[in-house]
Protein backbone atom coordinates (compact mmCIF):
# COMPACT_ATOMS: atom_id res chain seq x y z
CA MET A 1 103.15 137.90 87.59
CA ASP A 2 101.72 136.01 90.54
CA ALA A 3 101.96 132.45 91.86
CA ALA A 4 98.64 131.43 90.28
CA THR A 5 99.87 132.52 86.84
CA VAL A 6 103.14 130.61 87.27
CA GLU A 7 101.17 127.53 88.35
CA ALA A 8 98.90 127.82 85.29
CA LEU A 9 101.94 128.00 82.99
CA LEU A 10 103.36 124.88 84.57
CA ARG A 11 100.04 123.01 84.37
CA ASP A 12 99.90 123.73 80.63
CA HIS A 13 103.25 121.95 80.15
CA LEU A 14 103.07 119.35 82.91
CA ALA A 15 99.41 118.36 82.81
CA ASP A 16 99.61 115.13 84.80
CA CYS A 17 101.61 116.55 87.70
CA ASP A 18 100.78 117.92 91.12
CA ILE A 19 102.14 121.44 91.28
CA ALA A 20 102.54 123.91 94.14
CA VAL A 21 103.87 127.44 93.64
CA ASN A 22 104.63 129.88 96.43
CA GLY A 23 106.08 133.35 96.18
CA GLU A 24 105.33 136.72 94.72
CA GLY A 25 106.81 139.36 92.49
CA ALA A 26 109.50 137.59 90.50
CA ASN A 27 110.67 134.96 93.04
CA TYR A 28 108.99 131.56 93.38
CA ASP A 29 109.34 128.24 95.16
CA ILE A 30 108.01 125.48 92.90
CA THR A 31 107.29 121.86 93.80
CA VAL A 32 106.30 119.44 91.05
CA ILE A 33 105.34 115.80 91.63
CA GLY A 34 104.76 113.52 88.67
CA ALA A 35 105.43 110.18 87.05
CA VAL A 36 106.88 112.12 84.10
CA PHE A 37 110.10 112.38 86.15
CA GLU A 38 110.59 108.59 86.41
CA GLY A 39 114.11 107.66 85.32
CA MET A 40 115.22 111.26 84.80
CA ARG A 41 118.38 112.73 86.22
CA PRO A 42 117.89 115.79 88.46
CA VAL A 43 119.15 118.19 85.79
CA LYS A 44 116.66 116.84 83.23
CA LYS A 45 113.82 117.26 85.73
CA GLN A 46 114.77 120.90 86.31
CA GLN A 47 115.12 121.52 82.57
CA LEU A 48 111.59 120.21 82.02
CA VAL A 49 110.20 122.69 84.54
CA TYR A 50 112.38 125.57 83.28
CA GLY A 51 111.14 124.88 79.75
CA ALA A 52 107.63 125.86 80.78
CA LEU A 53 108.90 129.15 82.21
CA SER A 54 111.82 130.03 79.91
CA GLU A 55 110.02 132.77 77.98
CA HIS A 56 109.00 134.52 81.20
CA ILE A 57 112.46 134.15 82.71
CA ALA A 58 114.01 135.65 79.55
CA ARG A 59 111.60 138.61 79.71
CA GLY A 60 112.35 139.18 83.38
CA ASP A 61 108.81 138.40 84.57
CA ILE A 62 110.37 135.67 86.70
CA HIS A 63 113.72 136.36 88.27
CA ALA A 64 114.43 133.51 90.67
CA VAL A 65 112.96 130.05 91.08
CA ASN A 66 113.66 127.29 93.55
CA ILE A 67 112.51 124.05 91.91
CA ARG A 68 111.91 120.79 93.74
CA THR A 69 110.88 117.81 91.60
CA PHE A 70 109.73 114.37 92.74
CA THR A 71 108.33 111.18 91.34
CA PRO A 72 105.26 110.00 93.28
CA ALA A 73 107.44 107.40 95.08
CA GLN A 74 110.03 110.01 96.02
CA TRP A 75 107.28 112.27 97.34
CA GLN A 76 105.92 109.45 99.52
CA GLU A 77 109.40 109.00 100.98
CA GLN A 78 109.33 112.68 102.03
CA ALA A 79 106.20 112.16 104.16
């Protein structure tokens, strides 16, 4: 599995989000920015992203992920 494939999986589940995936093999750094995260607790945000990848994590295609999630306002604060 490569970063482009992971990104495509995420885009299928989080269509209205900006997504960046870096990494290779089975380890990825994932950043997702979207209004879908408004009002969600951090754990819920992570669960939403994990949900898109759960099958591949269970199969071992993806071993480790570092997930960063932001609302658009939170992302602007980072800049």
